[in-house]
C-alpha cells in the first residue's frame, strides 16, 4: 500500500515541478532581454 501512496505523491510532485518549470520558461520567453 505504501508503494502506491509514494507513487501518487511522486507524480503530484513531478506535476508541480513541471508546472513551475513551464511558468518560468514562459516568463523567460516573454522577456528575452531579461534572461541575459
PDB file of N, CA and C in Angstrom:
ATOM      1  N   UNK A   1       0.840  -1.209   0.000  1.00  0.00           N
ATOM      2  CA  UNK A   1       0.000   0.000   0.000  1.00  0.00           C
ATOM      3  C   UNK A   1       0.875   1.259   0.000  1.00  0.00           C
ATOM      4  N   UNK A   2       1.939   1.248   0.779  1.00  0.00           N
ATOM      5  CA  UNK A   2       2.810   2.424   0.848  1.00  0.00           C
ATOM      6  C   UNK A   2       3.411   2.742  -0.519  1.00  0.00           C
ATOM      7  N   UNK A   3       3.697   1.718  -1.307  1.00  0.00           N
ATOM      8  CA  UNK A   3       4.267   1.940  -2.644  1.00  0.00           C
ATOM      9  C   UNK A   3       3.326   2.773  -3.510  1.00  0.00           C
ATOM     10  N   UNK A   4       2.038   2.460  -3.428  1.00  0.00           N
ATOM     11  CA  UNK A   4       1.050   3.201  -4.224  1.00  0.00           C
ATOM     12  C   UNK A   4       1.019   4.660  -3.795  1.00  0.00           C
ATOM     13  N   UNK A   5       1.004   4.888  -2.484  1.00  0.00           N
ATOM     14  CA  UNK A   5       0.969   6.258  -1.961  1.00  0.00           C
ATOM     15  C   UNK A   5       2.219   7.019  -2.406  1.00  0.00           C
ATOM     16  N   UNK A   6       3.386   6.374  -2.286  1.00  0.00           N
ATOM     17  CA  UNK A   6       4.636   7.011  -2.704  1.00  0.00           C
ATOM     18  C   UNK A   6       4.584   7.387  -4.179  1.00  0.00           C
ATOM     19  N   UNK A   7       4.043   6.489  -4.987  1.00  0.00           N
ATOM     20  CA  UNK A   7       3.976   6.735  -6.425  1.00  0.00           C
ATOM     21  C   UNK A   7       3.071   7.925  -6.726  1.00  0.00           C
ATOM     22  N   UNK A   8       1.915   7.984  -6.052  1.00  0.00           N
ATOM     23  CA  UNK A   8       0.978   9.094  -6.270  1.00  0.00           C
ATOM     24  C   UNK A   8       1.616  10.416  -5.842  1.00  0.00           C
ATOM     25  N   UNK A   9       2.257  10.411  -4.682  1.00  0.00           N
ATOM     26  CA  UNK A   9       2.917  11.626  -4.195  1.00  0.00           C
ATOM     27  C   UNK A   9       4.016  12.050  -5.173  1.00  0.00           C
ATOM     28  N   UNK A  10       4.764  11.080  -5.674  1.00  0.00           N
ATOM     29  CA  UNK A  10       5.826  11.372  -6.639  1.00  0.00           C
ATOM     30  C   UNK A  10       5.272  12.005  -7.899  1.00  0.00           C
ATOM     31  N   UNK A  11       4.149  11.488  -8.382  1.00  0.00           N
ATOM     32  CA  UNK A  11       3.537  12.038  -9.598  1.00  0.00           C
ATOM     33  C   UNK A  11       3.044  13.451  -9.354  1.00  0.00           C
ATOM     34  N   UNK A  12       2.447  13.693  -8.181  1.00  0.00           N
ATOM     35  CA  UNK A  12       1.967  15.039  -7.862  1.00  0.00           C
ATOM     36  C   UNK A  12       3.126  16.012  -7.795  1.00  0.00           C
ATOM     37  N   UNK A  13       4.222  15.585  -7.161  1.00  0.00           N
ATOM     38  CA  UNK A  13       5.404  16.436  -7.038  1.00  0.00           C
ATOM     39  C   UNK A  13       5.972  16.743  -8.419  1.00  0.00           C
ATOM     40  N   UNK A  14       6.043  15.721  -9.266  1.00  0.00           N
ATOM     41  CA  UNK A  14       6.573  15.912 -10.621  1.00  0.00           C
ATOM     42  C   UNK A  14       5.687  16.885 -11.406  1.00  0.00           C
ATOM     43  N   UNK A  15       4.373  16.733 -11.259  1.00  0.00           N
ATOM     44  CA  UNK A  15       3.445  17.620 -11.960  1.00  0.00           C
ATOM     45  C   UNK A  15       3.626  19.058 -11.485  1.00  0.00           C
ATOM     46  N   UNK A  16       3.827  19.232 -10.161  1.00  0.00           N
ATOM     47  CA  UNK A  16       4.006  20.577  -9.612  1.00  0.00           C
ATOM     48  C   UNK A  16       5.307  21.194 -10.133  1.00  0.00           C
ATOM     49  N   UNK A  17       6.372  20.416 -10.152  1.00  0.00           N
ATOM     50  CA  UNK A  17       7.650  20.917 -10.651  1.00  0.00           C
ATOM     51  C   UNK A  17       7.551  21.270 -12.128  1.00  0.00           C
ATOM     52  N   UNK A  18       6.847  20.449 -12.889  1.00  0.00           N
ATOM     53  CA  UNK A  18       6.659  20.721 -14.317  1.00  0.00           C
ATOM     54  C   UNK A  18       5.904  22.024 -14.502  1.00  0.00           C
ATOM     55  N   UNK A  19       4.884  22.241 -13.667  1.00  0.00           N
ATOM     56  CA  UNK A  19       4.086  23.464 -13.750  1.00  0.00           C
ATOM     57  C   UNK A  19       4.959  24.681 -13.469  1.00  0.00           C
ATOM     58  N   UNK A  20       5.767  24.602 -12.411  1.00  0.00           N
ATOM     59  CA  UNK A  20       6.673  25.702 -12.068  1.00  0.00           C
ATOM     60  C   UNK A  20       7.657  25.947 -13.209  1.00  0.00           C
ATOM     61  N   UNK A  21       8.220  24.863 -13.741  1.00  0.00           N
ATOM     62  CA  UNK A  21       9.179  24.971 -14.839  1.00  0.00           C
ATOM     63  C   UNK A  21       8.541  25.640 -16.054  1.00  0.00           C
ATOM     64  N   UNK A  22       7.310  25.248 -16.378  1.00  0.00           N
ATOM     65  CA  UNK A  22       6.610  25.840 -17.525  1.00  0.00           C
ATOM     66  C   UNK A  22       6.364  27.329 -17.316  1.00  0.00           C
ATOM     67  N   UNK A  23       6.001  27.723 -16.091  1.00  0.00           N
ATOM     68  CA  UNK A  23       5.771  29.140 -15.805  1.00  0.00           C
ATOM     69  C   UNK A  23       7.061  29.936 -15.960  1.00  0.00           C
ATOM     70  N   UNK A  24       8.163  29.384 -15.437  1.00  0.00           N
ATOM     71  CA  UNK A  24       9.459  30.053 -15.559  1.00  0.00           C
ATOM     72  C   UNK A  24       9.868  30.172 -17.025  1.00  0.00           C
ATOM     73  N   UNK A  25       9.654  29.113 -17.782  1.00  0.00           N
ATOM     74  CA  UNK A  25      10.008  29.121 -19.204  1.00  0.00           C
ATOM     75  C   UNK A  25       9.188  30.171 -19.943  1.00  0.00           C
ATOM     76  N   UNK A  26       7.906  30.252 -19.645  1.00  0.00           N
ATOM     77  CA  UNK A  26       7.041  31.233 -20.293  1.00  0.00           C
ATOM     78  C   UNK A  26       7.513  32.650 -19.957  1.00  0.00           C
ATOM     79  N   UNK A  27       7.944  32.840 -18.706  1.00  0.00           N
ATOM     80  CA  UNK A  27       8.442  34.150 -18.285  1.00  0.00           C
ATOM     81  C   UNK A  27       9.670  34.535 -19.093  1.00  0.00           C
ATOM     82  N   UNK A  28      10.604  33.605 -19.233  1.00  0.00           N
ATOM     83  CA  UNK A  28      11.842  33.860 -19.976  1.00  0.00           C
ATOM     84  C   UNK A  28      11.522  34.123 -21.446  1.00  0.00           C
ATOM     85  N   UNK A  29      10.599  33.346 -21.989  1.00  0.00           N
ATOM     86  CA  UNK A  29      10.257  33.504 -23.406  1.00  0.00           C
ATOM     87  C   UNK A  29       9.600  34.857 -23.664  1.00  0.00           C
ATOM     88  N   UNK A  30       8.820  35.352 -22.720  1.00  0.00           N
ATOM     89  CA  UNK A  30       8.138  36.634 -22.920  1.00  0.00           C
ATOM     90  C   UNK A  30       9.081  37.805 -22.642  1.00  0.00           C
ATOM     91  N   UNK A  31      10.198  37.546 -21.941  1.00  0.00           N
ATOM     92  CA  UNK A  31      11.185  38.595 -21.643  1.00  0.00           C
ATOM     93  C   UNK A  31      12.580  38.135 -22.056  1.00  0.00           C
ATOM     94  N   UNK A  32      12.851  38.029 -23.359  1.00  0.00           N
ATOM     95  CA  UNK A  32      14.161  37.511 -23.772  1.00  0.00           C
ATOM     96  C   UNK A  32      15.314  38.384 -23.314  1.00  0.00           C
ATOM     97  N   UNK A  33      15.085  39.687 -23.204  1.00  0.00           N
ATOM     98  CA  UNK A  33      16.166  40.595 -22.818  1.00  0.00           C
ATOM     99  C   UNK A  33      16.560  40.398 -21.352  1.00  0.00           C
ATOM    100  N   UNK A  34      15.585  40.110 -20.495  1.00  0.00           N
ATOM    101  CA  UNK A  34      15.865  39.983 -19.066  1.00  0.00           C
ATOM    102  C   UNK A  34      16.704  38.753 -18.740  1.00  0.00           C
ATOM    103  N   UNK A  35      16.562  37.702 -19.542  1.00  0.00           N
ATOM    104  CA  UNK A  35      17.254  36.448 -19.216  1.00  0.00           C
ATOM    105  C   UNK A  35      18.758  36.562 -19.436  1.00  0.00           C
ATOM    106  N   UNK A  36      19.183  37.541 -20.186  1.00  0.00           N
ATOM    107  CA  UNK A  36      20.619  37.687 -20.464  1.00  0.00           C
ATOM    108  C   UNK A  36      21.350  38.268 -19.266  1.00  0.00           C
TER     109      UNK A  36
END
